[in-house]
Amino acid sequence: MAVDLSIFQSQTAEALRAEGHSEGHSEGLSEALLVVLGGRGIDVSDEARDLITSCEDHDTLTTWLTRAATATTTAELFAPHA
């Protein structure tokens, strides 16, 4: 008996897979950011942790992760740069 697998090829299924991939990538960047900050001994308040873990923007998370290499506080991490 053949099984119809076309549901896994629909546009909706593709969109859900892409969304899941994006969310997983954001979670990975958030986790990496928290690891770097913790490893550098930078205090991360609950508010900062919530901001980091709720962010889903890849570019923002990448910017924060790059800044985490030299920042001494989370305020420096989140500060707008020109």
PDB file of N, CA and C in Angstrom:
ATOM      1  N   MET A   1       0.838  -1.164   0.000  1.00  0.00           N
ATOM      2  CA  MET A   1       0.000   0.000   0.000  1.00  0.00           C
ATOM      3  C   MET A   1       0.897   1.246   0.000  1.00  0.00           C
ATOM      4  N   ALA A   2       0.647   2.173  -0.900  1.00  0.00           N
ATOM      5  CA  ALA A   2       1.418   3.409  -1.000  1.00  0.00           C
ATOM      6  C   ALA A   2       0.906   4.421   0.021  1.00  0.00           C
ATOM      7  N   VAL A   3       1.823   5.174   0.564  1.00  0.00           N
ATOM      8  CA  VAL A   3       1.478   6.214   1.531  1.00  0.00           C
ATOM      9  C   VAL A   3       1.641   7.569   0.868  1.00  0.00           C
ATOM     10  N   ASP A   4       0.632   8.411   1.003  1.00  0.00           N
ATOM     11  CA  ASP A   4       0.673   9.753   0.403  1.00  0.00           C
ATOM     12  C   ASP A   4       1.480  10.677   1.308  1.00  0.00           C
ATOM     13  N   LEU A   5       2.658  11.082   0.854  1.00  0.00           N
ATOM     14  CA  LEU A   5       3.532  11.964   1.624  1.00  0.00           C
ATOM     15  C   LEU A   5       3.513  13.395   1.095  1.00  0.00           C
ATOM     16  N   SER A   6       2.576  13.706   0.215  1.00  0.00           N
ATOM     17  CA  SER A   6       2.543  15.039  -0.393  1.00  0.00           C
ATOM     18  C   SER A   6       2.338  16.144   0.626  1.00  0.00           C
ATOM     19  N   ILE A   7       1.739  15.832   1.779  1.00  0.00           N
ATOM     20  CA  ILE A   7       1.534  16.852   2.811  1.00  0.00           C
ATOM     21  C   ILE A   7       2.865  17.438   3.282  1.00  0.00           C
ATOM     22  N   PHE A   8       3.932  16.651   3.221  1.00  0.00           N
ATOM     23  CA  PHE A   8       5.240  17.114   3.665  1.00  0.00           C
ATOM     24  C   PHE A   8       5.925  18.003   2.636  1.00  0.00           C
ATOM     25  N   GLN A   9       5.334  18.137   1.461  1.00  0.00           N
ATOM     26  CA  GLN A   9       5.902  18.948   0.397  1.00  0.00           C
ATOM     27  C   GLN A   9       5.083  20.209   0.142  1.00  0.00           C
ATOM     28  N   SER A  10       4.050  20.443   0.922  1.00  0.00           N
ATOM     29  CA  SER A  10       3.192  21.596   0.699  1.00  0.00           C
ATOM     30  C   SER A  10       3.916  22.887   1.082  1.00  0.00           C
ATOM     31  N   GLN A  11       3.392  23.983   0.616  1.00  0.00           N
ATOM     32  CA  GLN A  11       3.982  25.286   0.958  1.00  0.00           C
ATOM     33  C   GLN A  11       3.893  25.542   2.451  1.00  0.00           C
ATOM     34  N   THR A  12       2.812  25.120   3.056  1.00  0.00           N
ATOM     35  CA  THR A  12       2.660  25.297   4.500  1.00  0.00           C
ATOM     36  C   THR A  12       3.723  24.505   5.254  1.00  0.00           C
ATOM     37  N   ALA A  13       3.936  23.277   4.840  1.00  0.00           N
ATOM     38  CA  ALA A  13       4.953  22.448   5.494  1.00  0.00           C
ATOM     39  C   ALA A  13       6.333  23.067   5.320  1.00  0.00           C
ATOM     40  N   GLU A  14       6.622  23.560   4.135  1.00  0.00           N
ATOM     41  CA  GLU A  14       7.914  24.216   3.878  1.00  0.00           C
ATOM     42  C   GLU A  14       8.074  25.448   4.766  1.00  0.00           C
ATOM     43  N   ALA A  15       7.013  26.245   4.881  1.00  0.00           N
ATOM     44  CA  ALA A  15       7.068  27.457   5.707  1.00  0.00           C
ATOM     45  C   ALA A  15       7.286  27.105   7.173  1.00  0.00           C
ATOM     46  N   LEU A  16       6.621  26.070   7.650  1.00  0.00           N
ATOM     47  CA  LEU A  16       6.796  25.650   9.042  1.00  0.00           C
ATOM     48  C   LEU A  16       8.207  25.146   9.305  1.00  0.00           C
ATOM     49  N   ARG A  17       8.764  24.404   8.353  1.00  0.00           N
ATOM     50  CA  ARG A  17      10.148  23.941   8.504  1.00  0.00           C
ATOM     51  C   ARG A  17      11.103  25.121   8.543  1.00  0.00           C
ATOM     52  N   ALA A  18      10.901  26.106   7.664  1.00  0.00           N
ATOM     53  CA  ALA A  18      11.772  27.284   7.626  1.00  0.00           C
ATOM     54  C   ALA A  18      11.658  28.075   8.922  1.00  0.00           C
ATOM     55  N   GLU A  19      10.442  28.210   9.432  1.00  0.00           N
ATOM     56  CA  GLU A  19      10.228  28.931  10.686  1.00  0.00           C
ATOM     57  C   GLU A  19      10.922  28.213  11.844  1.00  0.00           C
ATOM     58  N   GLY A  20      10.795  26.894  11.878  1.00  0.00           N
ATOM     59  CA  GLY A  20      11.449  26.107  12.924  1.00  0.00           C
ATOM     60  C   GLY A  20      12.958  26.227  12.848  1.00  0.00           C
ATOM     61  N   HIS A  21      13.490  26.222  11.638  1.00  0.00           N
ATOM     62  CA  HIS A  21      14.933  26.373  11.452  1.00  0.00           C
ATOM     63  C   HIS A  21      15.382  27.734  11.959  1.00  0.00           C
ATOM     64  N   SER A  22      14.650  28.778  11.616  1.00  0.00           N
ATOM     65  CA  SER A  22      14.988  30.133  12.031  1.00  0.00           C
ATOM     66  C   SER A  22      14.936  30.267  13.548  1.00  0.00           C
ATOM     67  N   GLU A  23      13.878  29.727  14.157  1.00  0.00           N
ATOM     68  CA  GLU A  23      13.752  29.785  15.613  1.00  0.00           C
ATOM     69  C   GLU A  23      14.891  29.029  16.287  1.00  0.00           C
ATOM     70  N   GLY A  24      15.238  27.880  15.747  1.00  0.00           N
ATOM     71  CA  GLY A  24      16.342  27.098  16.313  1.00  0.00           C
ATOM     72  C   GLY A  24      17.662  27.829  16.197  1.00  0.00           C
ATOM     73  N   HIS A  25      17.854  28.511  15.078  1.00  0.00           N
ATOM     74  CA  HIS A  25      19.083  29.276  14.877  1.00  0.00           C
ATOM     75  C   HIS A  25      19.153  30.432  15.883  1.00  0.00           C
ATOM     76  N   SER A  26      18.027  31.127  16.084  1.00  0.00           N
ATOM     77  CA  SER A  26      17.980  32.224  17.052  1.00  0.00           C
ATOM     78  C   SER A  26      18.261  31.719  18.462  1.00  0.00           C
ATOM     79  N   GLU A  27      17.679  30.589  18.801  1.00  0.00           N
ATOM     80  CA  GLU A  27      17.921  30.009  20.122  1.00  0.00           C
ATOM     81  C   GLU A  27      19.396  29.674  20.302  1.00  0.00           C
ATOM     82  N   GLY A  28      20.023  29.162  19.258  1.00  0.00           N
ATOM     83  CA  GLY A  28      21.447  28.837  19.325  1.00  0.00           C
ATOM     84  C   GLY A  28      22.307  30.070  19.524  1.00  0.00           C
ATOM     85  N   LEU A  29      21.982  31.147  18.808  1.00  0.00           N
ATOM     86  CA  LEU A  29      22.729  32.397  18.969  1.00  0.00           C
ATOM     87  C   LEU A  29      22.522  32.970  20.364  1.00  0.00           C
ATOM     88  N   SER A  30      21.293  32.918  20.859  1.00  0.00           N
ATOM     89  CA  SER A  30      20.997  33.418  22.207  1.00  0.00           C
ATOM     90  C   SER A  30      21.794  32.646  23.246  1.00  0.00           C
ATOM     91  N   GLU A  31      21.804  31.333  23.096  1.00  0.00           N
ATOM     92  CA  GLU A  31      22.539  30.485  24.044  1.00  0.00           C
ATOM     93  C   GLU A  31      24.038  30.773  23.975  1.00  0.00           C
ATOM     94  N   ALA A  32      24.568  30.922  22.772  1.00  0.00           N
ATOM     95  CA  ALA A  32      25.990  31.233  22.610  1.00  0.00           C
ATOM     96  C   ALA A  32      26.323  32.567  23.261  1.00  0.00           C
ATOM     97  N   LEU A  33      25.456  33.541  23.072  1.00  0.00           N
ATOM     98  CA  LEU A  33      25.661  34.859  23.661  1.00  0.00           C
ATOM     99  C   LEU A  33      25.715  34.773  25.183  1.00  0.00           C
ATOM    100  N   LEU A  34      24.787  34.036  25.769  1.00  0.00           N
ATOM    101  CA  LEU A  34      24.785  33.886  27.230  1.00  0.00           C
ATOM    102  C   LEU A  34      26.027  33.143  27.715  1.00  0.00           C
ATOM    103  N   VAL A  35      26.496  32.170  26.949  1.00  0.00           N
ATOM    104  CA  VAL A  35      27.709  31.434  27.318  1.00  0.00           C
ATOM    105  C   VAL A  35      28.920  32.363  27.285  1.00  0.00           C
ATOM    106  N   VAL A  36      29.040  33.177  26.244  1.00  0.00           N
ATOM    107  CA  VAL A  36      30.169  34.106  26.129  1.00  0.00           C
ATOM    108  C   VAL A  36      30.141  35.107  27.279  1.00  0.00           C
ATOM    109  N   LEU A  37      28.975  35.678  27.548  1.00  0.00           N
ATOM    110  CA  LEU A  37      28.875  36.647  28.647  1.00  0.00           C
ATOM    111  C   LEU A  37      29.228  35.994  29.981  1.00  0.00           C
ATOM    112  N   GLY A  38      28.709  34.802  30.214  1.00  0.00           N
ATOM    113  CA  GLY A  38      29.020  34.085  31.454  1.00  0.00           C
ATOM    114  C   GLY A  38      30.491  33.741  31.550  1.00  0.00           C
ATOM    115  N   GLY A  39      31.069  33.310  30.451  1.00  0.00           N
ATOM    116  CA  GLY A  39      32.487  32.966  30.434  1.00  0.00           C
ATOM    117  C   GLY A  39      33.388  34.157  30.685  1.00  0.00           C
ATOM    118  N   ARG A  40      32.924  35.330  30.284  1.00  0.00           N
ATOM    119  CA  ARG A  40      33.702  36.547  30.506  1.00  0.00           C
ATOM    120  C   ARG A  40      33.401  37.168  31.863  1.00  0.00           C
ATOM    121  N   GLY A  41      32.510  36.548  32.645  1.00  0.00           N
ATOM    122  CA  GLY A  41      32.192  37.036  33.981  1.00  0.00           C
ATOM    123  C   GLY A  41      31.297  38.262  33.986  1.00  0.00           C
ATOM    124  N   ILE A  42      30.552  38.480  32.927  1.00  0.00           N
ATOM    125  CA  ILE A  42      29.660  39.636  32.838  1.00  0.00           C
ATOM    126  C   ILE A  42      28.313  39.263  33.440  1.00  0.00           C
ATOM    127  N   ASP A  43      27.868  40.069  34.402  1.00  0.00           N
ATOM    128  CA  ASP A  43      26.597  39.843  35.065  1.00  0.00           C
ATOM    129  C   ASP A  43      25.458  40.071  34.076  1.00  0.00           C
ATOM    130  N   VAL A  44      24.550  39.116  33.984  1.00  0.00           N
ATOM    131  CA  VAL A  44      23.393  39.218  33.096  1.00  0.00           C
ATOM    132  C   VAL A  44      22.142  39.230  33.969  1.00  0.00           C
ATOM    133  N   SER A  45      21.494  40.387  34.019  1.00  0.00           N
ATOM    134  CA  SER A  45      20.274  40.517  34.818  1.00  0.00           C
ATOM    135  C   SER A  45      19.158  39.693  34.187  1.00  0.00           C
ATOM    136  N   ASP A  46      18.104  39.487  34.952  1.00  0.00           N
ATOM    137  CA  ASP A  46      16.947  38.768  34.417  1.00  0.00           C
ATOM    138  C   ASP A  46      16.364  39.515  33.226  1.00  0.00           C
ATOM    139  N   GLU A  47      16.346  40.840  33.308  1.00  0.00           N
ATOM    140  CA  GLU A  47      15.813  41.661  32.215  1.00  0.00           C
ATOM    141  C   GLU A  47      16.654  41.479  30.941  1.00  0.00           C
ATOM    142  N   ALA A  48      17.979  41.508  31.087  1.00  0.00           N
ATOM    143  CA  ALA A  48      18.869  41.323  29.939  1.00  0.00           C
ATOM    144  C   ALA A  48      18.724  39.917  29.377  1.00  0.00           C
ATOM    145  N   ARG A  49      18.628  38.925  30.255  1.00  0.00           N
ATOM    146  CA  ARG A  49      18.469  37.530  29.823  1.00  0.00           C
ATOM    147  C   ARG A  49      17.169  37.367  29.028  1.00  0.00           C
ATOM    148  N   ASP A  50      16.094  38.003  29.527  1.00  0.00           N
ATOM    149  CA  ASP A  50      14.816  37.932  28.816  1.00  0.00           C
ATOM    150  C   ASP A  50      14.907  38.592  27.443  1.00  0.00           C
ATOM    151  N   LEU A  51      15.603  39.726  27.370  1.00  0.00           N
ATOM    152  CA  LEU A  51      15.764  40.422  26.095  1.00  0.00           C
ATOM    153  C   LEU A  51      16.531  39.546  25.100  1.00  0.00           C
ATOM    154  N   ILE A  52      17.581  38.915  25.579  1.00  0.00           N
ATOM    155  CA  ILE A  52      18.399  38.051  24.721  1.00  0.00           C
ATOM    156  C   ILE A  52      17.610  36.832  24.256  1.00  0.00           C
ATOM    157  N   THR A  53      16.957  36.151  25.189  1.00  0.00           N
ATOM    158  CA  THR A  53      16.277  34.906  24.829  1.00  0.00           C
ATOM    159  C   THR A  53      14.988  35.122  24.042  1.00  0.00           C
ATOM    160  N   SER A  54      14.412  36.314  24.117  1.00  0.00           N
ATOM    161  CA  SER A  54      13.186  36.575  23.359  1.00  0.00           C
ATOM    162  C   SER A  54      13.464  37.152  21.977  1.00  0.00           C
ATOM    163  N   CYS A  55      14.699  37.553  21.723  1.00  0.00           N
ATOM    164  CA  CYS A  55      15.043  38.136  20.429  1.00  0.00           C
ATOM    165  C   CYS A  55      15.073  37.043  19.358  1.00  0.00           C
ATOM    166  N   GLU A  56      14.417  37.316  18.239  1.00  0.00           N
ATOM    167  CA  GLU A  56      14.388  36.361  17.133  1.00  0.00           C
ATOM    168  C   GLU A  56      15.045  36.924  15.878  1.00  0.00           C
ATOM    169  N   ASP A  57      15.654  38.105  16.011  1.00  0.00           N
ATOM    170  CA  ASP A  57      16.287  38.737  14.852  1.00  0.00           C
ATOM    171  C   ASP A  57      17.752  38.302  14.748  1.00  0.00           C
ATOM    172  N   HIS A  58      18.063  37.589  13.677  1.00  0.00           N
ATOM    173  CA  HIS A  58      19.403  37.042  13.471  1.00  0.00           C
ATOM    174  C   HIS A  58      20.469  38.135  13.486  1.00  0.00           C
ATOM    175  N   ASP A  59      20.228  39.239  12.786  1.00  0.00           N
ATOM    176  CA  ASP A  59      21.222  40.308  12.706  1.00  0.00           C
ATOM    177  C   ASP A  59      21.488  40.939  14.068  1.00  0.00           C
ATOM    178  N   THR A  60      20.438  41.153  14.841  1.00  0.00           N
ATOM    179  CA  THR A  60      20.598  41.727  16.180  1.00  0.00           C
ATOM    180  C   THR A  60      21.391  40.786  17.071  1.00  0.00           C
ATOM    181  N   LEU A  61      21.027  39.516  17.061  1.00  0.00           N
ATOM    182  CA  LEU A  61      21.748  38.539  17.884  1.00  0.00           C
ATOM    183  C   LEU A  61      23.211  38.421  17.471  1.00  0.00           C
ATOM    184  N   THR A  62      23.474  38.470  16.184  1.00  0.00           N
ATOM    185  CA  THR A  62      24.852  38.405  15.694  1.00  0.00           C
ATOM    186  C   THR A  62      25.631  39.635  16.144  1.00  0.00           C
ATOM    187  N   THR A  63      25.005  40.797  16.078  1.00  0.00           N
ATOM    188  CA  THR A  63      25.651  42.035  16.548  1.00  0.00           C
ATOM    189  C   THR A  63      25.974  41.932  18.030  1.00  0.00           C
ATOM    190  N   TRP A  64      25.003  41.489  18.824  1.00  0.00           N
ATOM    191  CA  TRP A  64      25.238  41.357  20.259  1.00  0.00           C
ATOM    192  C   TRP A  64      26.331  40.339  20.547  1.00  0.00           C
ATOM    193  N   LEU A  65      26.350  39.242  19.822  1.00  0.00           N
ATOM    194  CA  LEU A  65      27.374  38.217  20.039  1.00  0.00           C
ATOM    195  C   LEU A  65      28.757  38.766  19.710  1.00  0.00           C
ATOM    196  N   THR A  66      28.859  39.541  18.652  1.00  0.00           N
ATOM    197  CA  THR A  66      30.137  40.158  18.287  1.00  0.00           C
ATOM    198  C   THR A  66      30.582  41.142  19.368  1.00  0.00           C
ATOM    199  N   ARG A  67      29.650  41.949  19.850  1.00  0.00           N
ATOM    200  CA  ARG A  67      29.961  42.919  20.914  1.00  0.00           C
ATOM    201  C   ARG A  67      30.338  42.234  22.215  1.00  0.00           C
ATOM    202  N   ALA A  68      29.773  41.057  22.466  1.00  0.00           N
ATOM    203  CA  ALA A  68      30.050  40.335  23.711  1.00  0.00           C
ATOM    204  C   ALA A  68      31.523  39.987  23.852  1.00  0.00           C
ATOM    205  N   ALA A  69      32.235  39.941  22.738  1.00  0.00           N
ATOM    206  CA  ALA A  69      33.663  39.620  22.784  1.00  0.00           C
ATOM    207  C   ALA A  69      34.475  40.715  23.473  1.00  0.00           C
ATOM    208  N   THR A  70      33.969  41.955  23.442  1.00  0.00           N
ATOM    209  CA  THR A  70      34.733  43.065  24.027  1.00  0.00           C
ATOM    210  C   THR A  70      33.967  43.857  25.078  1.00  0.00           C
ATOM    211  N   ALA A  71      32.669  43.688  25.160  1.00  0.00           N
ATOM    212  CA  ALA A  71      31.863  44.453  26.120  1.00  0.00           C
ATOM    213  C   ALA A  71      32.232  44.078  27.546  1.00  0.00           C
ATOM    214  N   THR A  72      32.072  45.037  28.436  1.00  0.00           N
ATOM    215  CA  THR A  72      32.319  44.765  29.850  1.00  0.00           C
ATOM    216  C   THR A  72      31.031  44.747  30.660  1.00  0.00           C
ATOM    217  N   THR A  73      29.930  45.201  30.033  1.00  0.00           N
ATOM    218  CA  THR A  73      28.610  45.173  30.661  1.00  0.00           C
ATOM    219  C   THR A  73      27.566  44.865  29.594  1.00  0.00           C
ATOM    220  N   THR A  74      26.384  44.461  30.052  1.00  0.00           N
ATOM    221  CA  THR A  74      25.316  44.236  29.082  1.00  0.00           C
ATOM    222  C   THR A  74      24.825  45.569  28.506  1.00  0.00           C
ATOM    223  N   ALA A  75      25.016  46.670  29.232  1.00  0.00           N
ATOM    224  CA  ALA A  75      24.647  47.984  28.696  1.00  0.00           C
ATOM    225  C   ALA A  75      25.439  48.269  27.436  1.00  0.00           C
ATOM    226  N   GLU A  76      26.713  47.924  27.420  1.00  0.00           N
ATOM    227  CA  GLU A  76      27.539  48.102  26.206  1.00  0.00           C
ATOM    228  C   GLU A  76      27.037  47.193  25.087  1.00  0.00           C
ATOM    229  N   LEU A  77      26.595  46.032  25.451  1.00  0.00           N
ATOM    230  CA  LEU A  77      26.092  45.073  24.474  1.00  0.00           C
ATOM    231  C   LEU A  77      24.883  45.621  23.732  1.00  0.00           C
ATOM    232  N   PHE A  78      23.962  46.239  24.465  1.00  0.00           N
ATOM    233  CA  PHE A  78      22.706  46.709  23.901  1.00  0.00           C
ATOM    234  C   PHE A  78      22.761  48.151  23.398  1.00  0.00           C
ATOM    235  N   ALA A  79      23.840  48.866  23.670  1.00  0.00           N
ATOM    236  CA  ALA A  79      23.921  50.282  23.292  1.00  0.00           C
ATOM    237  C   ALA A  79      23.834  50.444  21.775  1.00  0.00           C
ATOM    238  N   PRO A  80      23.053  51.419  21.335  1.00  0.00           N
ATOM    239  CA  PRO A  80      23.011  51.676  19.885  1.00  0.00           C
ATOM    240  C   PRO A  80      24.349  52.213  19.403  1.00  0.00           C
ATOM    241  N   HIS A  81      24.792  51.731  18.272  1.00  0.00           N
ATOM    242  CA  HIS A  81      26.049  52.191  17.693  1.00  0.00           C
ATOM    243  C   HIS A  81      25.761  52.810  16.343  1.00  0.00           C
ATOM    244  N   ALA A  82      26.483  53.867  16.068  1.00  0.00           N
ATOM    245  CA  ALA A  82      26.285  54.552  14.785  1.00  0.00           C
ATOM    246  C   ALA A  82      27.071  53.884  13.688  1.00  0.00           C
TER     247      ALA A  82
END
